[in-house]
Amino acid sequence: MSSGHESFWSERYRSVGDDYLFGTAPSRFLACRSELLGSLGDVLSVADGEGRNAVWLAEQGCRVTATEISPVALAKAARLARGRHVEVNFVQADLLAWDWPVAAFDGVIGVFIQFVGAAERQILFDAMKRALRPGGVLLLHGYTPRQLDYRTGGPSAVENLYTVAMLEAEFAGWEILELREYEESISEGSGHAGQSALIDLVARRP
């Protein structure tokens, strides 16, 4: 990633003014797993955007660190946290250059983080794995290649999208608690709206 990547995302977040591009409610993927997430202590939300997921995680009692490359998004996230009376450790970070903590979190969460192709995705996934403590849980939510037919959000590059086979191979040796592809309509601000081809992974580090 680069300053160009930062500029791209800042412009997207700036384009909606004081509104939130993906809304202020948590991803349905996370909200449906509140029982699991509420049992975690230290949680990292990767490329968290404007704070909707990090703030909700803090409301569940987690101690949350949230990374984001865009200062525009981080300002909105801080405002959201203040308004909801929770504390989140927001960190501006280029994830491919960030000095990732090692074995520091009980949960690592990536919601719609499909902004990298295969080579950079491997770097990102390896860092996310190392950031988890043994027995920690990784939660990943994204789009499958079928999303290119819907065009209701997400990247336009097929190599950025996930399949069950890809994630099974990537997390071989982990305890796969959940892995499924499905389609449903989502409504997350103006950024994610309409019928979508989705994939969920919940996996526990050995």
C-alpha atoms as a PDB file:
ATOM      1  CA  MET A   1       0.000   0.000   0.000  1.00  0.00           C
ATOM      2  CA  SER A   2       1.040   3.604  -0.318  1.00  0.00           C
ATOM      3  CA  SER A   3       0.167   7.244   0.047  1.00  0.00           C
ATOM      4  CA  GLY A   4      -1.948   6.729  -3.060  1.00  0.00           C
ATOM      5  CA  HIS A   5      -3.929   4.085  -1.224  1.00  0.00           C
ATOM      6  CA  GLU A   6      -4.362   6.467   1.705  1.00  0.00           C
ATOM      7  CA  SER A   7      -5.534   9.234  -0.631  1.00  0.00           C
ATOM      8  CA  PHE A   8      -8.008   6.915  -2.375  1.00  0.00           C
ATOM      9  CA  TRP A   9      -9.669   5.874   0.867  1.00  0.00           C
ATOM     10  CA  SER A  10      -9.616   9.332   2.393  1.00  0.00           C
ATOM     11  CA  GLU A  11     -11.390  10.680  -0.670  1.00  0.00           C
ATOM     12  CA  ARG A  12     -14.028   7.961  -0.429  1.00  0.00           C
ATOM     13  CA  TYR A  13     -14.646   8.683   3.247  1.00  0.00           C
ATOM     14  CA  ARG A  14     -14.632  12.437   2.594  1.00  0.00           C
ATOM     15  CA  SER A  15     -17.132  12.068  -0.258  1.00  0.00           C
ATOM     16  CA  VAL A  16     -20.043  11.402   2.129  1.00  0.00           C
ATOM     17  CA  GLY A  17     -19.344  14.440   4.298  1.00  0.00           C
ATOM     18  CA  ASP A  18     -20.266  13.897   7.933  1.00  0.00           C
ATOM     19  CA  ASP A  19     -22.131  10.692   7.066  1.00  0.00           C
ATOM     20  CA  TYR A  20     -20.498   7.279   7.408  1.00  0.00           C
ATOM     21  CA  LEU A  21     -19.735   5.486   4.135  1.00  0.00           C
ATOM     22  CA  PHE A  22     -20.564   2.050   5.556  1.00  0.00           C
ATOM     23  CA  GLY A  23     -22.934   3.223   8.294  1.00  0.00           C
ATOM     24  CA  THR A  24     -22.428   3.202  12.054  1.00  0.00           C
ATOM     25  CA  ALA A  25     -23.956  -0.197  12.863  1.00  0.00           C
ATOM     26  CA  PRO A  26     -21.601  -3.185  13.080  1.00  0.00           C
ATOM     27  CA  SER A  27     -21.326  -5.697  10.298  1.00  0.00           C
ATOM     28  CA  ARG A  28     -24.126  -8.254  10.594  1.00  0.00           C
ATOM     29  CA  PHE A  29     -21.394 -10.887  10.515  1.00  0.00           C
ATOM     30  CA  LEU A  30     -20.038  -9.546  13.824  1.00  0.00           C
ATOM     31  CA  ALA A  31     -23.374  -8.701  15.385  1.00  0.00           C
ATOM     32  CA  CYS A  32     -24.512 -12.317  14.961  1.00  0.00           C
ATOM     33  CA  ARG A  33     -21.454 -13.503  16.908  1.00  0.00           C
ATOM     34  CA  SER A  34     -21.748 -11.291  19.972  1.00  0.00           C
ATOM     35  CA  GLU A  35     -21.624 -14.283  22.337  1.00  0.00           C
ATOM     36  CA  LEU A  36     -18.238 -15.384  20.978  1.00  0.00           C
ATOM     37  CA  LEU A  37     -16.826 -11.874  20.738  1.00  0.00           C
ATOM     38  CA  GLY A  38     -17.981 -10.860  24.199  1.00  0.00           C
ATOM     39  CA  SER A  39     -15.844 -13.657  25.651  1.00  0.00           C
ATOM     40  CA  LEU A  40     -12.660 -12.239  24.110  1.00  0.00           C
ATOM     41  CA  GLY A  41     -10.345  -9.777  25.836  1.00  0.00           C
ATOM     42  CA  ASP A  42      -7.872  -8.033  23.538  1.00  0.00           C
ATOM     43  CA  VAL A  43      -9.167  -7.654  19.981  1.00  0.00           C
ATOM     44  CA  LEU A  44      -7.625  -6.204  16.821  1.00  0.00           C
ATOM     45  CA  SER A  45      -9.907  -4.879  14.076  1.00  0.00           C
ATOM     46  CA  VAL A  46      -7.920  -4.648  10.837  1.00  0.00           C
ATOM     47  CA  ALA A  47      -8.566  -1.819   8.335  1.00  0.00           C
ATOM     48  CA  ASP A  48     -11.494  -0.763  10.491  1.00  0.00           C
ATOM     49  CA  GLY A  49     -12.590   2.268   8.461  1.00  0.00           C
ATOM     50  CA  GLU A  50     -14.833   4.763  10.238  1.00  0.00           C
ATOM     51  CA  GLY A  51     -15.103   2.757  13.447  1.00  0.00           C
ATOM     52  CA  ARG A  52     -18.442   0.976  13.197  1.00  0.00           C
ATOM     53  CA  ASN A  53     -17.015  -2.416  14.099  1.00  0.00           C
ATOM     54  CA  ALA A  54     -14.376  -1.299  16.603  1.00  0.00           C
ATOM     55  CA  VAL A  55     -16.854   0.808  18.568  1.00  0.00           C
ATOM     56  CA  TRP A  56     -19.360  -2.037  18.704  1.00  0.00           C
ATOM     57  CA  LEU A  57     -16.646  -4.459  19.842  1.00  0.00           C
ATOM     58  CA  ALA A  58     -15.752  -2.064  22.657  1.00  0.00           C
ATOM     59  CA  GLU A  59     -19.426  -1.996  23.639  1.00  0.00           C
ATOM     60  CA  GLN A  60     -19.262  -5.808  23.993  1.00  0.00           C
ATOM     61  CA  GLY A  61     -16.517  -5.373  26.597  1.00  0.00           C
ATOM     62  CA  CYS A  62     -13.500  -6.038  24.374  1.00  0.00           C
ATOM     63  CA  ARG A  63     -10.272  -4.057  24.673  1.00  0.00           C
ATOM     64  CA  VAL A  64     -10.031  -2.926  21.069  1.00  0.00           C
ATOM     65  CA  THR A  65      -7.170  -1.813  18.868  1.00  0.00           C
ATOM     66  CA  ALA A  66      -8.285  -0.707  15.406  1.00  0.00           C
ATOM     67  CA  THR A  67      -6.016   0.058  12.470  1.00  0.00           C
ATOM     68  CA  GLU A  68      -6.899   2.250   9.495  1.00  0.00           C
ATOM     69  CA  ILE A  69      -4.817   3.978   6.820  1.00  0.00           C
ATOM     70  CA  SER A  70      -7.097   6.994   6.283  1.00  0.00           C
ATOM     71  CA  PRO A  71      -6.876   9.922   8.725  1.00  0.00           C
ATOM     72  CA  VAL A  72     -10.312  11.045   7.508  1.00  0.00           C
ATOM     73  CA  ALA A  73     -11.800   7.709   8.572  1.00  0.00           C
ATOM     74  CA  LEU A  74      -9.923   7.779  11.881  1.00  0.00           C
ATOM     75  CA  ALA A  75     -11.336  11.207  12.735  1.00  0.00           C
ATOM     76  CA  LYS A  76     -14.847   9.903  12.114  1.00  0.00           C
ATOM     77  CA  ALA A  77     -14.111   6.763  14.128  1.00  0.00           C
ATOM     78  CA  ALA A  78     -12.900   8.799  17.094  1.00  0.00           C
ATOM     79  CA  ARG A  79     -16.055  10.903  16.914  1.00  0.00           C
ATOM     80  CA  LEU A  80     -18.214   7.769  16.854  1.00  0.00           C
ATOM     81  CA  ALA A  81     -16.414   6.318  19.882  1.00  0.00           C
ATOM     82  CA  ARG A  82     -16.863   9.550  21.847  1.00  0.00           C
ATOM     83  CA  GLY A  83     -20.549   9.657  20.989  1.00  0.00           C
ATOM     84  CA  ARG A  84     -21.025   6.050  22.111  1.00  0.00           C
ATOM     85  CA  HIS A  85     -18.892   6.567  25.265  1.00  0.00           C
ATOM     86  CA  VAL A  86     -16.335   3.825  24.633  1.00  0.00           C
ATOM     87  CA  GLU A  87     -12.566   3.774  24.337  1.00  0.00           C
ATOM     88  CA  VAL A  88     -10.765   2.329  21.315  1.00  0.00           C
ATOM     89  CA  ASN A  89      -7.049   2.442  20.557  1.00  0.00           C
ATOM     90  CA  PHE A  90      -7.153   3.790  16.990  1.00  0.00           C
ATOM     91  CA  VAL A  91      -3.871   3.428  15.064  1.00  0.00           C
ATOM     92  CA  GLN A  92      -3.102   4.931  11.657  1.00  0.00           C
ATOM     93  CA  ALA A  93      -1.266   2.164   9.808  1.00  0.00           C
ATOM     94  CA  ASP A  94      -0.294   0.966   6.370  1.00  0.00           C
ATOM     95  CA  LEU A  95      -0.848  -2.722   7.083  1.00  0.00           C
ATOM     96  CA  LEU A  96       1.917  -3.920   4.770  1.00  0.00           C
ATOM     97  CA  ALA A  97       4.477  -1.722   6.540  1.00  0.00           C
ATOM     98  CA  TRP A  98       3.085  -1.713  10.101  1.00  0.00           C
ATOM     99  CA  ASP A  99       5.094  -3.281  12.924  1.00  0.00           C
ATOM    100  CA  TRP A 100       2.411  -5.787  13.852  1.00  0.00           C
ATOM    101  CA  PRO A 101       2.187  -6.945  17.480  1.00  0.00           C
ATOM    102  CA  VAL A 102       2.926 -10.659  17.908  1.00  0.00           C
ATOM    103  CA  ALA A 103       0.743 -12.999  20.002  1.00  0.00           C
ATOM    104  CA  ALA A 104      -0.979  -9.932  21.438  1.00  0.00           C
ATOM    105  CA  PHE A 105      -4.687 -10.520  20.766  1.00  0.00           C
ATOM    106  CA  ASP A 106      -7.425 -13.005  21.653  1.00  0.00           C
ATOM    107  CA  GLY A 107      -9.311 -12.052  18.509  1.00  0.00           C
ATOM    108  CA  VAL A 108      -8.319 -10.621  15.124  1.00  0.00           C
ATOM    109  CA  ILE A 109     -11.087  -9.381  12.858  1.00  0.00           C
ATOM    110  CA  GLY A 110     -11.070  -8.525   9.168  1.00  0.00           C
ATOM    111  CA  VAL A 111     -14.354  -7.272   7.707  1.00  0.00           C
ATOM    112  CA  PHE A 112     -14.244  -6.455   3.976  1.00  0.00           C
ATOM    113  CA  ILE A 113     -10.466  -6.036   3.866  1.00  0.00           C
ATOM    114  CA  GLN A 114     -10.133  -7.189   0.242  1.00  0.00           C
ATOM    115  CA  PHE A 115      -7.988  -4.309  -0.997  1.00  0.00           C
ATOM    116  CA  VAL A 116      -4.937  -6.462  -1.852  1.00  0.00           C
ATOM    117  CA  GLY A 117      -4.135  -9.141  -4.415  1.00  0.00           C
ATOM    118  CA  ALA A 118      -2.705 -12.589  -3.771  1.00  0.00           C
ATOM    119  CA  ALA A 119       0.913 -11.686  -2.937  1.00  0.00           C
ATOM    120  CA  GLU A 120       0.060  -8.862  -0.552  1.00  0.00           C
ATOM    121  CA  ARG A 121      -2.834 -10.869   0.907  1.00  0.00           C
ATOM    122  CA  GLN A 122      -0.347 -13.529   1.991  1.00  0.00           C
ATOM    123  CA  ILE A 123       1.690 -10.891   3.834  1.00  0.00           C
ATOM    124  CA  LEU A 124      -1.489  -9.587   5.463  1.00  0.00           C
ATOM    125  CA  PHE A 125      -2.827 -13.003   6.465  1.00  0.00           C
ATOM    126  CA  ASP A 126       0.543 -14.066   7.893  1.00  0.00           C
ATOM    127  CA  ALA A 127       0.654 -10.911  10.028  1.00  0.00           C
ATOM    128  CA  MET A 128      -2.916 -11.458  11.248  1.00  0.00           C
ATOM    129  CA  LYS A 129      -2.084 -15.031  12.226  1.00  0.00           C
ATOM    130  CA  ARG A 130       1.031 -13.985  14.155  1.00  0.00           C
ATOM    131  CA  ALA A 131      -0.922 -11.292  15.989  1.00  0.00           C
ATOM    132  CA  LEU A 132      -3.150 -13.933  17.595  1.00  0.00           C
ATOM    133  CA  ARG A 133      -2.296 -15.689  20.814  1.00  0.00           C
ATOM    134  CA  PRO A 134      -2.443 -19.505  20.713  1.00  0.00           C
ATOM    135  CA  GLY A 135      -6.101 -20.438  21.018  1.00  0.00           C
ATOM    136  CA  GLY A 136      -7.140 -17.027  19.705  1.00  0.00           C
ATOM    137  CA  VAL A 137      -9.885 -16.638  17.125  1.00  0.00           C
ATOM    138  CA  LEU A 138      -9.710 -15.064  13.682  1.00  0.00           C
ATOM    139  CA  LEU A 139     -12.932 -13.788  12.110  1.00  0.00           C
ATOM    140  CA  LEU A 140     -12.920 -12.930   8.410  1.00  0.00           C
ATOM    141  CA  HIS A 141     -15.859 -11.632   6.370  1.00  0.00           C
ATOM    142  CA  GLY A 142     -15.729 -10.749   2.712  1.00  0.00           C
ATOM    143  CA  TYR A 143     -16.937 -11.260  -0.816  1.00  0.00           C
ATOM    144  CA  THR A 144     -16.677 -14.243  -3.200  1.00  0.00           C
ATOM    145  CA  PRO A 145     -16.077 -13.931  -6.952  1.00  0.00           C
ATOM    146  CA  ARG A 146     -19.848 -14.043  -7.514  1.00  0.00           C
ATOM    147  CA  GLN A 147     -19.867 -10.489  -6.117  1.00  0.00           C
ATOM    148  CA  LEU A 148     -18.569  -9.272  -9.478  1.00  0.00           C
ATOM    149  CA  ASP A 149     -22.030 -10.076 -10.890  1.00  0.00           C
ATOM    150  CA  TYR A 150     -23.790  -7.960  -8.250  1.00  0.00           C
ATOM    151  CA  ARG A 151     -21.428  -4.945  -8.021  1.00  0.00           C
ATOM    152  CA  THR A 152     -23.023  -3.822  -4.753  1.00  0.00           C
ATOM    153  CA  GLY A 153     -19.696  -3.192  -3.037  1.00  0.00           C
ATOM    154  CA  GLY A 154     -16.202  -4.545  -2.810  1.00  0.00           C
ATOM    155  CA  PRO A 155     -13.285  -4.678  -5.226  1.00  0.00           C
ATOM    156  CA  SER A 156     -13.571  -5.131  -8.981  1.00  0.00           C
ATOM    157  CA  ALA A 157     -10.508  -7.420  -9.137  1.00  0.00           C
ATOM    158  CA  VAL A 158     -11.377 -11.125  -8.914  1.00  0.00           C
ATOM    159  CA  GLU A 159      -7.954 -11.960  -7.436  1.00  0.00           C
ATOM    160  CA  ASN A 160      -8.865  -9.943  -4.322  1.00  0.00           C
ATOM    161  CA  LEU A 161     -11.911 -12.096  -3.542  1.00  0.00           C
ATOM    162  CA  TYR A 162     -12.141 -15.194  -1.334  1.00  0.00           C
ATOM    163  CA  THR A 163     -13.332 -18.742  -1.936  1.00  0.00           C
ATOM    164  CA  VAL A 164     -13.890 -21.608   0.492  1.00  0.00           C
ATOM    165  CA  ALA A 165     -11.035 -23.568  -1.111  1.00  0.00           C
ATOM    166  CA  MET A 166      -8.646 -20.619  -0.724  1.00  0.00           C
ATOM    167  CA  LEU A 167      -9.451 -20.134   2.948  1.00  0.00           C
ATOM    168  CA  GLU A 168      -9.366 -23.868   3.686  1.00  0.00           C
ATOM    169  CA  ALA A 169      -5.845 -23.990   2.273  1.00  0.00           C
ATOM    170  CA  GLU A 170      -4.757 -20.774   4.008  1.00  0.00           C
ATOM    171  CA  PHE A 171      -5.923 -21.965   7.426  1.00  0.00           C
ATOM    172  CA  ALA A 172      -5.028 -25.637   7.143  1.00  0.00           C
ATOM    173  CA  GLY A 173      -4.072 -26.892  10.579  1.00  0.00           C
ATOM    174  CA  TRP A 174      -6.365 -24.420  12.327  1.00  0.00           C
ATOM    175  CA  GLU A 175      -9.669 -25.381  13.942  1.00  0.00           C
ATOM    176  CA  ILE A 176     -12.268 -24.175  11.450  1.00  0.00           C
ATOM    177  CA  LEU A 177     -15.292 -23.225  13.547  1.00  0.00           C
ATOM    178  CA  GLU A 178     -17.222 -21.856  10.593  1.00  0.00           C
ATOM    179  CA  LEU A 179     -16.622 -21.460   6.866  1.00  0.00           C
ATOM    180  CA  ARG A 180     -19.442 -20.786   4.439  1.00  0.00           C
ATOM    181  CA  GLU A 181     -20.350 -18.987   1.241  1.00  0.00           C
ATOM    182  CA  TYR A 182     -23.839 -17.522   0.909  1.00  0.00           C
ATOM    183  CA  GLU A 183     -25.810 -14.722  -0.691  1.00  0.00           C
ATOM    184  CA  GLU A 184     -27.992 -12.134   1.005  1.00  0.00           C
ATOM    185  CA  SER A 185     -28.957  -8.489   0.797  1.00  0.00           C
ATOM    186  CA  ILE A 186     -26.953  -6.158   3.008  1.00  0.00           C
ATOM    187  CA  SER A 187     -27.466  -2.509   3.891  1.00  0.00           C
ATOM    188  CA  GLU A 188     -24.324  -0.893   5.307  1.00  0.00           C
ATOM    189  CA  GLY A 189     -24.390   2.784   4.406  1.00  0.00           C
ATOM    190  CA  SER A 190     -24.022   3.732   0.755  1.00  0.00           C
ATOM    191  CA  GLY A 191     -20.839   1.671   0.408  1.00  0.00           C
ATOM    192  CA  HIS A 192     -22.402  -1.780   0.786  1.00  0.00           C
ATOM    193  CA  ALA A 193     -26.006  -1.969  -0.358  1.00  0.00           C
ATOM    194  CA  GLY A 194     -27.953  -4.731  -2.073  1.00  0.00           C
ATOM    195  CA  GLN A 195     -27.721  -8.416  -2.879  1.00  0.00           C
ATOM    196  CA  SER A 196     -24.197  -9.646  -2.150  1.00  0.00           C
ATOM    197  CA  ALA A 197     -22.101 -12.813  -2.484  1.00  0.00           C
ATOM    198  CA  LEU A 198     -20.483 -13.290   0.915  1.00  0.00           C
ATOM    199  CA  ILE A 199     -18.100 -15.606   2.733  1.00  0.00           C
ATOM    200  CA  ASP A 200     -17.488 -16.035   6.470  1.00  0.00           C
ATOM    201  CA  LEU A 201     -14.593 -17.677   8.270  1.00  0.00           C
ATOM    202  CA  VAL A 202     -14.180 -18.231  11.997  1.00  0.00           C
ATOM    203  CA  ALA A 203     -10.991 -20.137  12.843  1.00  0.00           C
ATOM    204  CA  ARG A 204      -9.051 -20.832  16.030  1.00  0.00           C
ATOM    205  CA  ARG A 205      -5.249 -20.668  16.103  1.00  0.00           C
ATOM    206  CA  PRO A 206      -3.649 -23.886  17.385  1.00  0.00           C
END
